[in-house]
PDB file of N, CA and C in Angstrom:
ATOM      1  N   UNK A   1      39.485  12.629 -11.747  1.00  0.00           N
ATOM      2  CA  UNK A   1      37.820  11.737 -12.026  1.00  0.00           C
ATOM      3  C   UNK A   1      38.271  10.532 -12.674  1.00  0.00           C
ATOM      4  N   UNK A   2      38.094   9.589 -11.830  1.00  0.00           N
ATOM      5  CA  UNK A   2      37.662   8.206 -12.872  1.00  0.00           C
ATOM      6  C   UNK A   2      36.389   7.747 -13.895  1.00  0.00           C
ATOM      7  N   UNK A   3      36.954   6.766 -14.487  1.00  0.00           N
ATOM      8  CA  UNK A   3      35.988   6.275 -15.389  1.00  0.00           C
ATOM      9  C   UNK A   3      35.741   5.326 -15.423  1.00  0.00           C
ATOM     10  N   UNK A   4      34.348   5.047 -15.628  1.00  0.00           N
ATOM     11  CA  UNK A   4      34.036   3.306 -16.167  1.00  0.00           C
ATOM     12  C   UNK A   4      32.982   2.616 -17.218  1.00  0.00           C
ATOM     13  N   UNK A   5      33.743   2.031 -17.745  1.00  0.00           N
ATOM     14  CA  UNK A   5      33.040   1.947 -19.326  1.00  0.00           C
ATOM     15  C   UNK A   5      31.605   0.672 -18.548  1.00  0.00           C
ATOM     16  N   UNK A   6      30.552   0.803 -18.742  1.00  0.00           N
ATOM     17  CA  UNK A   6      29.453  -0.204 -18.994  1.00  0.00           C
ATOM     18  C   UNK A   6      29.035  -0.382 -19.603  1.00  0.00           C
ATOM     19  N   UNK A   7      27.765  -1.266 -19.558  1.00  0.00           N
ATOM     20  CA  UNK A   7      27.322  -1.452 -20.818  1.00  0.00           C
ATOM     21  C   UNK A   7      25.668  -2.106 -20.335  1.00  0.00           C
ATOM     22  N   UNK A   8      25.057  -1.326 -20.768  1.00  0.00           N
ATOM     23  CA  UNK A   8      23.272  -1.649 -20.360  1.00  0.00           C
ATOM     24  C   UNK A   8      22.833  -2.230 -21.784  1.00  0.00           C
ATOM     25  N   UNK A   9      22.186  -3.441 -21.919  1.00  0.00           N
ATOM     26  CA  UNK A   9      21.486  -3.776 -22.942  1.00  0.00           C
ATOM     27  C   UNK A   9      22.364  -3.420 -24.834  1.00  0.00           C
ATOM     28  N   UNK A  10      23.491  -3.901 -24.566  1.00  0.00           N
ATOM     29  CA  UNK A  10      24.156  -3.631 -26.000  1.00  0.00           C
ATOM     30  C   UNK A  10      25.172  -2.069 -25.951  1.00  0.00           C
ATOM     31  N   UNK A  11      24.457  -1.283 -25.016  1.00  0.00           N
ATOM     32  CA  UNK A  11      24.845  -0.088 -25.764  1.00  0.00           C
ATOM     33  C   UNK A  11      26.000   0.209 -24.419  1.00  0.00           C
ATOM     34  N   UNK A  12      26.938   0.846 -25.103  1.00  0.00           N
ATOM     35  CA  UNK A  12      28.346   1.185 -24.126  1.00  0.00           C
ATOM     36  C   UNK A  12      27.892   2.708 -23.267  1.00  0.00           C
ATOM     37  N   UNK A  13      28.592   2.575 -22.434  1.00  0.00           N
ATOM     38  CA  UNK A  13      28.552   3.961 -21.537  1.00  0.00           C
ATOM     39  C   UNK A  13      30.258   4.032 -20.577  1.00  0.00           C
ATOM     40  N   UNK A  14      30.366   5.163 -20.798  1.00  0.00           N
ATOM     41  CA  UNK A  14      31.728   5.889 -20.172  1.00  0.00           C
ATOM     42  C   UNK A  14      31.371   6.860 -19.193  1.00  0.00           C
ATOM     43  N   UNK A  15      30.893   6.217 -17.677  1.00  0.00           N
ATOM     44  CA  UNK A  15      30.492   6.936 -16.704  1.00  0.00           C
ATOM     45  C   UNK A  15      31.495   7.290 -15.404  1.00  0.00           C
ATOM     46  N   UNK A  16      31.690   8.734 -15.416  1.00  0.00           N
ATOM     47  CA  UNK A  16      32.560   9.523 -14.705  1.00  0.00           C
ATOM     48  C   UNK A  16      32.600   9.147 -13.094  1.00  0.00           C
ATOM     49  N   UNK A  17      33.421   8.738 -12.104  1.00  0.00           N
ATOM     50  CA  UNK A  17      33.555   8.070 -10.603  1.00  0.00           C
ATOM     51  C   UNK A  17      34.415   8.426  -9.750  1.00  0.00           C
ATOM     52  N   UNK A  18      34.130   8.170  -8.648  1.00  0.00           N
ATOM     53  CA  UNK A  18      35.766   8.176  -7.999  1.00  0.00           C
ATOM     54  C   UNK A  18      36.293   7.356  -8.357  1.00  0.00           C
ATOM     55  N   UNK A  19      37.922   7.636  -8.021  1.00  0.00           N
ATOM     56  CA  UNK A  19      38.580   6.949  -8.008  1.00  0.00           C
ATOM     57  C   UNK A  19      38.827   5.382  -7.322  1.00  0.00           C
ATOM     58  N   UNK A  20      38.817   4.220  -7.657  1.00  0.00           N
ATOM     59  CA  UNK A  20      38.766   3.360  -7.185  1.00  0.00           C
ATOM     60  C   UNK A  20      37.186   2.464  -6.835  1.00  0.00           C
ATOM     61  N   UNK A  21      36.597   3.311  -7.888  1.00  0.00           N
ATOM     62  CA  UNK A  21      35.007   2.861  -7.599  1.00  0.00           C
ATOM     63  C   UNK A  21      34.603   2.579  -8.989  1.00  0.00           C
ATOM     64  N   UNK A  22      35.629   2.020 -10.158  1.00  0.00           N
ATOM     65  CA  UNK A  22      35.531   1.903 -11.328  1.00  0.00           C
ATOM     66  C   UNK A  22      34.336   0.233 -11.088  1.00  0.00           C
ATOM     67  N   UNK A  23      35.294  -0.719 -10.577  1.00  0.00           N
ATOM     68  CA  UNK A  23      34.844  -1.892 -10.650  1.00  0.00           C
ATOM     69  C   UNK A  23      33.464  -2.181 -10.215  1.00  0.00           C
ATOM     70  N   UNK A  24      33.390  -1.729  -9.178  1.00  0.00           N
ATOM     71  CA  UNK A  24      32.014  -1.557  -8.477  1.00  0.00           C
ATOM     72  C   UNK A  24      31.223  -0.979  -9.421  1.00  0.00           C
ATOM     73  N   UNK A  25      31.046   0.241 -10.048  1.00  0.00           N
ATOM     74  CA  UNK A  25      30.380   0.782 -11.096  1.00  0.00           C
ATOM     75  C   UNK A  25      29.870  -0.478 -12.225  1.00  0.00           C
ATOM     76  N   UNK A  26      31.040  -0.883 -12.651  1.00  0.00           N
ATOM     77  CA  UNK A  26      30.801  -2.076 -13.564  1.00  0.00           C
ATOM     78  C   UNK A  26      29.948  -3.705 -12.554  1.00  0.00           C
ATOM     79  N   UNK A  27      29.968  -3.383 -11.869  1.00  0.00           N
ATOM     80  CA  UNK A  27      29.135  -4.644 -11.390  1.00  0.00           C
ATOM     81  C   UNK A  27      28.019  -4.205 -10.857  1.00  0.00           C
ATOM     82  N   UNK A  28      27.710  -3.229 -10.362  1.00  0.00           N
ATOM     83  CA  UNK A  28      26.320  -2.300 -10.330  1.00  0.00           C
ATOM     84  C   UNK A  28      25.435  -2.190 -12.009  1.00  0.00           C
ATOM     85  N   UNK A  29      26.703  -2.003 -12.672  1.00  0.00           N
ATOM     86  CA  UNK A  29      25.940  -1.766 -13.728  1.00  0.00           C
ATOM     87  C   UNK A  29      25.398  -3.385 -14.958  1.00  0.00           C
ATOM     88  N   UNK A  30      25.871  -4.651 -14.024  1.00  0.00           N
ATOM     89  CA  UNK A  30      25.655  -5.601 -15.018  1.00  0.00           C
ATOM     90  C   UNK A  30      24.343  -5.957 -14.233  1.00  0.00           C
ATOM     91  N   UNK A  31      23.950  -5.874 -13.008  1.00  0.00           N
ATOM     92  CA  UNK A  31      22.518  -6.186 -12.356  1.00  0.00           C
ATOM     93  C   UNK A  31      21.815  -5.238 -12.933  1.00  0.00           C
ATOM     94  N   UNK A  32      22.121  -4.207 -13.136  1.00  0.00           N
ATOM     95  CA  UNK A  32      21.389  -3.225 -13.755  1.00  0.00           C
ATOM     96  C   UNK A  32      20.566  -3.877 -15.000  1.00  0.00           C
ATOM     97  N   UNK A  33      21.796  -4.231 -15.854  1.00  0.00           N
ATOM     98  CA  UNK A  33      21.432  -4.750 -16.907  1.00  0.00           C
ATOM     99  C   UNK A  33      20.986  -5.952 -17.225  1.00  0.00           C
ATOM    100  N   UNK A  34      20.749  -6.634 -16.423  1.00  0.00           N
ATOM    101  CA  UNK A  34      19.911  -8.168 -15.854  1.00  0.00           C
ATOM    102  C   UNK A  34      18.163  -7.377 -15.778  1.00  0.00           C
ATOM    103  N   UNK A  35      18.546  -6.676 -14.680  1.00  0.00           N
ATOM    104  CA  UNK A  35      17.310  -6.142 -14.467  1.00  0.00           C
ATOM    105  C   UNK A  35      16.588  -5.142 -15.715  1.00  0.00           C
ATOM    106  N   UNK A  36      17.199  -4.644 -16.253  1.00  0.00           N
ATOM    107  CA  UNK A  36      16.510  -4.178 -17.660  1.00  0.00           C
ATOM    108  C   UNK A  36      16.245  -5.438 -18.893  1.00  0.00           C
ATOM    109  N   UNK A  37      16.930  -6.006 -18.929  1.00  0.00           N
ATOM    110  CA  UNK A  37      16.746  -7.123 -19.799  1.00  0.00           C
ATOM    111  C   UNK A  37      15.321  -8.213 -19.070  1.00  0.00           C
ATOM    112  N   UNK A  38      15.300  -7.901 -17.877  1.00  0.00           N
ATOM    113  CA  UNK A  38      13.814  -9.183 -17.493  1.00  0.00           C
ATOM    114  C   UNK A  38      12.777  -8.332 -17.697  1.00  0.00           C
ATOM    115  N   UNK A  39      13.392  -6.917 -17.563  1.00  0.00           N
ATOM    116  CA  UNK A  39      11.537  -5.986 -17.654  1.00  0.00           C
ATOM    117  C   UNK A  39      11.351  -6.417 -18.947  1.00  0.00           C
ATOM    118  N   UNK A  40      12.466  -5.497 -20.109  1.00  0.00           N
ATOM    119  CA  UNK A  40      12.164  -5.932 -21.515  1.00  0.00           C
ATOM    120  C   UNK A  40      11.236  -7.509 -21.364  1.00  0.00           C
ATOM    121  N   UNK A  41      11.757  -8.256 -21.537  1.00  0.00           N
ATOM    122  CA  UNK A  41      11.194  -9.589 -22.196  1.00  0.00           C
ATOM    123  C   UNK A  41       9.722  -9.745 -21.085  1.00  0.00           C
ATOM    124  N   UNK A  42       9.247  -8.906 -19.815  1.00  0.00           N
ATOM    125  CA  UNK A  42       8.140  -9.139 -19.003  1.00  0.00           C
ATOM    126  C   UNK A  42       7.156  -8.284 -20.083  1.00  0.00           C
ATOM    127  N   UNK A  43       7.536  -6.872 -20.473  1.00  0.00           N
ATOM    128  CA  UNK A  43       6.625  -6.139 -20.929  1.00  0.00           C
ATOM    129  C   UNK A  43       6.628  -5.606 -22.319  1.00  0.00           C
ATOM    130  N   UNK A  44       8.122  -6.202 -23.072  1.00  0.00           N
ATOM    131  CA  UNK A  44       8.107  -5.769 -24.308  1.00  0.00           C
ATOM    132  C   UNK A  44       9.100  -4.584 -24.674  1.00  0.00           C
ATOM    133  N   UNK A  45      10.034  -4.309 -25.569  1.00  0.00           N
ATOM    134  CA  UNK A  45      10.185  -3.399 -25.792  1.00  0.00           C
ATOM    135  C   UNK A  45      10.178  -2.442 -25.839  1.00  0.00           C
ATOM    136  N   UNK A  46       9.757  -1.364 -24.694  1.00  0.00           N
ATOM    137  CA  UNK A  46       8.862   0.093 -24.550  1.00  0.00           C
ATOM    138  C   UNK A  46      10.313   0.952 -24.585  1.00  0.00           C
ATOM    139  N   UNK A  47      11.343   1.028 -25.270  1.00  0.00           N
ATOM    140  CA  UNK A  47      12.032   1.791 -25.601  1.00  0.00           C
ATOM    141  C   UNK A  47      13.238   2.004 -24.086  1.00  0.00           C
ATOM    142  N   UNK A  48      14.359   2.722 -24.702  1.00  0.00           N
ATOM    143  CA  UNK A  48      15.467   2.762 -23.620  1.00  0.00           C
ATOM    144  C   UNK A  48      15.025   3.225 -22.145  1.00  0.00           C
ATOM    145  N   UNK A  49      14.548   4.389 -22.547  1.00  0.00           N
ATOM    146  CA  UNK A  49      14.459   5.824 -21.713  1.00  0.00           C
ATOM    147  C   UNK A  49      13.076   4.966 -20.754  1.00  0.00           C
ATOM    148  N   UNK A  50      12.118   4.032 -21.219  1.00  0.00           N
ATOM    149  CA  UNK A  50      11.246   3.706 -20.396  1.00  0.00           C
ATOM    150  C   UNK A  50      11.424   2.462 -19.323  1.00  0.00           C
ATOM    151  N   UNK A  51      12.316   1.470 -20.522  1.00  0.00           N
ATOM    152  CA  UNK A  51      12.831   0.776 -19.523  1.00  0.00           C
ATOM    153  C   UNK A  51      13.742   1.171 -18.743  1.00  0.00           C
ATOM    154  N   UNK A  52      14.760   2.188 -18.659  1.00  0.00           N
ATOM    155  CA  UNK A  52      15.532   2.576 -17.408  1.00  0.00           C
ATOM    156  C   UNK A  52      14.642   3.339 -16.622  1.00  0.00           C
ATOM    157  N   UNK A  53      13.468   4.074 -16.678  1.00  0.00           N
ATOM    158  CA  UNK A  53      12.573   4.322 -15.769  1.00  0.00           C
ATOM    159  C   UNK A  53      11.711   2.962 -14.850  1.00  0.00           C
ATOM    160  N   UNK A  54      11.256   2.441 -15.505  1.00  0.00           N
ATOM    161  CA  UNK A  54      10.704   1.153 -14.744  1.00  0.00           C
ATOM    162  C   UNK A  54      11.636   0.141 -14.040  1.00  0.00           C
ATOM    163  N   UNK A  55      13.090   0.367 -14.248  1.00  0.00           N
ATOM    164  CA  UNK A  55      14.075  -0.486 -13.701  1.00  0.00           C
ATOM    165  C   UNK A  55      14.019   0.204 -12.285  1.00  0.00           C
ATOM    166  N   UNK A  56      14.271   1.447 -12.339  1.00  0.00           N
ATOM    167  CA  UNK A  56      14.435   2.573 -11.675  1.00  0.00           C
ATOM    168  C   UNK A  56      13.864   2.761 -10.237  1.00  0.00           C
ATOM    169  N   UNK A  57      12.588   2.825 -11.122  1.00  0.00           N
ATOM    170  CA  UNK A  57      11.178   2.404 -10.081  1.00  0.00           C
ATOM    171  C   UNK A  57      11.163   0.955  -9.144  1.00  0.00           C
ATOM    172  N   UNK A  58      11.704   0.327 -10.133  1.00  0.00           N
ATOM    173  CA  UNK A  58      11.364  -1.447  -9.277  1.00  0.00           C
ATOM    174  C   UNK A  58      12.636  -1.668  -8.377  1.00  0.00           C
ATOM    175  N   UNK A  59      13.850  -0.725  -8.577  1.00  0.00           N
ATOM    176  CA  UNK A  59      14.804  -0.755  -7.570  1.00  0.00           C
ATOM    177  C   UNK A  59      14.129  -0.157  -6.347  1.00  0.00           C
ATOM    178  N   UNK A  60      13.867   1.277  -6.677  1.00  0.00           N
ATOM    179  CA  UNK A  60      13.575   2.251  -5.526  1.00  0.00           C
ATOM    180  C   UNK A  60      12.176   1.401  -4.557  1.00  0.00           C
ATOM    181  N   UNK A  61      11.489   0.933  -5.267  1.00  0.00           N
ATOM    182  CA  UNK A  61      10.378  -0.061  -4.524  1.00  0.00           C
ATOM    183  C   UNK A  61      11.085  -1.228  -3.446  1.00  0.00           C
ATOM    184  N   UNK A  62      12.229  -2.068  -4.451  1.00  0.00           N
ATOM    185  CA  UNK A  62      12.874  -3.093  -3.215  1.00  0.00           C
ATOM    186  C   UNK A  62      13.638  -1.994  -2.188  1.00  0.00           C
ATOM    187  N   UNK A  63      13.909  -0.881  -2.439  1.00  0.00           N
ATOM    188  CA  UNK A  63      14.947  -0.133  -1.209  1.00  0.00           C
ATOM    189  C   UNK A  63      14.241  -0.013  -0.677  1.00  0.00           C
ATOM    190  N   UNK A  64      12.698   0.683  -0.870  1.00  0.00           N
ATOM    191  CA  UNK A  64      11.501   1.055   0.251  1.00  0.00           C
ATOM    192  C   UNK A  64      11.314  -0.300   1.011  1.00  0.00           C
ATOM    193  N   UNK A  65      10.810  -0.802   0.594  1.00  0.00           N
ATOM    194  CA  UNK A  65      10.440  -2.441   1.261  1.00  0.00           C
ATOM    195  C   UNK A  65      11.431  -2.812   1.935  1.00  0.00           C
ATOM    196  N   UNK A  66      12.783  -2.567   1.636  1.00  0.00           N
ATOM    197  CA  UNK A  66      13.555  -3.316   2.560  1.00  0.00           C
ATOM    198  C   UNK A  66      13.654  -2.195   4.008  1.00  0.00           C
ATOM    199  N   UNK A  67      13.629  -1.319   3.606  1.00  0.00           N
ATOM    200  CA  UNK A  67      13.439  -0.308   4.830  1.00  0.00           C
ATOM    201  C   UNK A  67      12.602  -0.323   5.381  1.00  0.00           C
ATOM    202  N   UNK A  68      11.387  -0.780   4.930  1.00  0.00           N
ATOM    203  CA  UNK A  68       9.725  -0.516   6.194  1.00  0.00           C
ATOM    204  C   UNK A  68      10.491  -2.569   6.658  1.00  0.00           C
ATOM    205  N   UNK A  69      11.358  -3.522   5.744  1.00  0.00           N
ATOM    206  CA  UNK A  69      10.956  -4.243   6.241  1.00  0.00           C
ATOM    207  C   UNK A  69      10.351  -5.429   5.939  1.00  0.00           C
ATOM    208  N   UNK A  70       9.522  -4.999   4.607  1.00  0.00           N
ATOM    209  CA  UNK A  70       8.560  -5.868   4.177  1.00  0.00           C
ATOM    210  C   UNK A  70       8.986  -7.117   3.507  1.00  0.00           C
ATOM    211  N   UNK A  71       9.032  -8.428   3.675  1.00  0.00           N
ATOM    212  CA  UNK A  71       9.125  -9.487   2.900  1.00  0.00           C
ATOM    213  C   UNK A  71       9.516  -9.590   1.259  1.00  0.00           C
ATOM    214  N   UNK A  72      10.783 -10.273   1.382  1.00  0.00           N
ATOM    215  CA  UNK A  72      11.190  -9.478  -0.574  1.00  0.00           C
ATOM    216  C   UNK A  72      10.177 -10.467  -1.451  1.00  0.00           C
ATOM    217  N   UNK A  73       9.712 -11.568  -1.088  1.00  0.00           N
ATOM    218  CA  UNK A  73       8.773 -12.280  -2.041  1.00  0.00           C
ATOM    219  C   UNK A  73       7.971 -11.271  -2.425  1.00  0.00           C
ATOM    220  N   UNK A  74       7.111 -11.030  -1.383  1.00  0.00           N
ATOM    221  CA  UNK A  74       6.057  -9.887  -1.308  1.00  0.00           C
ATOM    222  C   UNK A  74       5.755  -9.022  -2.009  1.00  0.00           C
ATOM    223  N   UNK A  75       7.087  -8.573  -1.232  1.00  0.00           N
ATOM    224  CA  UNK A  75       7.249  -7.038  -2.323  1.00  0.00           C
ATOM    225  C   UNK A  75       7.916  -7.144  -3.854  1.00  0.00           C
ATOM    226  N   UNK A  76       8.125  -8.322  -4.376  1.00  0.00           N
ATOM    227  CA  UNK A  76       8.473  -8.560  -5.831  1.00  0.00           C
ATOM    228  C   UNK A  76       7.531  -8.844  -6.250  1.00  0.00           C
ATOM    229  N   UNK A  77       6.254  -9.326  -5.681  1.00  0.00           N
ATOM    230  CA  UNK A  77       5.245  -9.563  -6.530  1.00  0.00           C
ATOM    231  C   UNK A  77       4.445  -8.316  -6.585  1.00  0.00           C
ATOM    232  N   UNK A  78       4.390  -7.403  -5.597  1.00  0.00           N
ATOM    233  CA  UNK A  78       3.881  -6.304  -5.740  1.00  0.00           C
ATOM    234  C   UNK A  78       4.412  -5.506  -7.012  1.00  0.00           C
ATOM    235  N   UNK A  79       5.898  -5.424  -6.882  1.00  0.00           N
ATOM    236  CA  UNK A  79       6.662  -4.698  -7.844  1.00  0.00           C
ATOM    237  C   UNK A  79       6.545  -4.957  -9.328  1.00  0.00           C
ATOM    238  N   UNK A  80       5.917  -6.356  -9.489  1.00  0.00           N
ATOM    239  CA  UNK A  80       6.032  -6.986 -10.381  1.00  0.00           C
ATOM    240  C   UNK A  80       4.635  -6.226 -11.375  1.00  0.00           C
ATOM    241  N   UNK A  81       3.835  -6.523 -10.346  1.00  0.00           N
ATOM    242  CA  UNK A  81       2.479  -6.133 -10.996  1.00  0.00           C
ATOM    243  C   UNK A  81       2.726  -4.822 -11.096  1.00  0.00           C
ATOM    244  N   UNK A  82       3.014  -3.775 -10.120  1.00  0.00           N
ATOM    245  CA  UNK A  82       3.120  -2.335 -10.003  1.00  0.00           C
ATOM    246  C   UNK A  82       4.014  -1.844 -11.525  1.00  0.00           C
ATOM    247  N   UNK A  83       4.790  -2.607 -12.115  1.00  0.00           N
ATOM    248  CA  UNK A  83       5.667  -2.468 -13.129  1.00  0.00           C
ATOM    249  C   UNK A  83       4.821  -2.447 -13.894  1.00  0.00           C
ATOM    250  N   UNK A  84       4.451  -3.465 -14.387  1.00  0.00           N
ATOM    251  CA  UNK A  84       3.321  -4.038 -15.472  1.00  0.00           C
ATOM    252  C   UNK A  84       2.094  -3.077 -15.751  1.00  0.00           C
ATOM    253  N   UNK A  85       1.839  -2.646 -14.912  1.00  0.00           N
ATOM    254  CA  UNK A  85       0.764  -1.488 -14.601  1.00  0.00           C
ATOM    255  C   UNK A  85       1.426  -0.103 -15.119  1.00  0.00           C
ATOM    256  N   UNK A  86       2.596   0.093 -14.419  1.00  0.00           N
ATOM    257  CA  UNK A  86       3.030   1.408 -15.267  1.00  0.00           C
ATOM    258  C   UNK A  86       3.954   1.394 -16.379  1.00  0.00           C
ATOM    259  N   UNK A  87       4.024   0.419 -16.619  1.00  0.00           N
ATOM    260  CA  UNK A  87       4.776  -0.174 -18.322  1.00  0.00           C
ATOM    261  C   UNK A  87       3.295   0.416 -18.921  1.00  0.00           C
ATOM    262  N   UNK A  88       2.268  -0.334 -19.089  1.00  0.00           N
ATOM    263  CA  UNK A  88       1.056   0.113 -19.953  1.00  0.00           C
ATOM    264  C   UNK A  88       0.948   1.305 -19.966  1.00  0.00           C
ATOM    265  N   UNK A  89       0.866   2.033 -18.303  1.00  0.00           N
ATOM    266  CA  UNK A  89       0.563   3.328 -18.377  1.00  0.00           C
ATOM    267  C   UNK A  89       1.099   4.241 -19.056  1.00  0.00           C
ATOM    268  N   UNK A  90       2.483   4.047 -19.118  1.00  0.00           N
ATOM    269  CA  UNK A  90       3.744   4.931 -19.899  1.00  0.00           C
ATOM    270  C   UNK A  90       3.516   4.709 -21.594  1.00  0.00           C
ATOM    271  N   UNK A  91       3.085   3.517 -21.857  1.00  0.00           N
ATOM    272  CA  UNK A  91       3.141   2.825 -23.653  1.00  0.00           C
ATOM    273  C   UNK A  91       1.890   3.870 -23.890  1.00  0.00           C
ATOM    274  N   UNK A  92       0.875   3.996 -22.944  1.00  0.00           N
ATOM    275  CA  UNK A  92      -0.058   4.571 -23.272  1.00  0.00           C
ATOM    276  C   UNK A  92      -0.072   6.206 -23.334  1.00  0.00           C
ATOM    277  N   UNK A  93       0.563   6.531 -22.455  1.00  0.00           N
ATOM    278  CA  UNK A  93       0.572   8.028 -23.371  1.00  0.00           C
ATOM    279  C   UNK A  93       2.057   8.164 -23.749  1.00  0.00           C
ATOM    280  N   UNK A  94       2.854   7.695 -24.535  1.00  0.00           N
ATOM    281  CA  UNK A  94       3.541   7.969 -25.232  1.00  0.00           C
ATOM    282  C   UNK A  94       3.018   7.808 -26.558  1.00  0.00           C
ATOM    283  N   UNK A  95       2.307   7.014 -26.682  1.00  0.00           N
ATOM    284  CA  UNK A  95       1.237   6.844 -27.902  1.00  0.00           C
ATOM    285  C   UNK A  95       0.332   8.105 -27.740  1.00  0.00           C
ATOM    286  N   UNK A  96      -0.242   8.492 -27.304  1.00  0.00           N
ATOM    287  CA  UNK A  96      -1.445   9.394 -27.344  1.00  0.00           C
ATOM    288  C   UNK A  96       0.066  10.760 -27.519  1.00  0.00           C
ATOM    289  N   UNK A  97       1.291  10.967 -27.068  1.00  0.00           N
ATOM    290  CA  UNK A  97       1.984  12.084 -27.219  1.00  0.00           C
ATOM    291  C   UNK A  97       2.412  11.744 -28.185  1.00  0.00           C
ATOM    292  N   UNK A  98       2.643  11.061 -29.189  1.00  0.00           N
ATOM    293  CA  UNK A  98       3.706  10.792 -30.623  1.00  0.00           C
ATOM    294  C   UNK A  98       2.168  11.175 -31.500  1.00  0.00           C
ATOM    295  N   UNK A  99       0.948  10.703 -31.301  1.00  0.00           N
ATOM    296  CA  UNK A  99      -0.429  10.757 -31.940  1.00  0.00           C
ATOM    297  C   UNK A  99      -0.269  12.382 -32.281  1.00  0.00           C
ATOM    298  N   UNK A 100      -0.115  13.213 -31.319  1.00  0.00           N
ATOM    299  CA  UNK A 100       0.080  14.728 -30.890  1.00  0.00           C
ATOM    300  C   UNK A 100       0.963  15.481 -31.746  1.00  0.00           C
ATOM    301  N   UNK A 101       2.265  14.567 -31.915  1.00  0.00           N
ATOM    302  CA  UNK A 101       3.012  15.575 -32.665  1.00  0.00           C
ATOM    303  C   UNK A 101       2.351  15.310 -34.331  1.00  0.00           C
TER     304      UNK A 101
END
């Protein structure tokens, strides 16, 4: 099993992968890092786990839109709005959970 060393928001990770896939994972991680940084700028620093969750949801939304044939610009606008709403709900839920502890 091979490993790819990637960095997301300044944190280094070593990810196991199939031999020969290291460069692909590094390239994908750079795209993910860019996406997570953009989301953090848009919604603020809501924690690593939440930022990765919102990034994953954003990517899945784009993938689903691509499968449906939805125009990318419209999909991105909807995704941005949905992400902002989701981030606000996630943050409110986290605050309620933290307040209860």
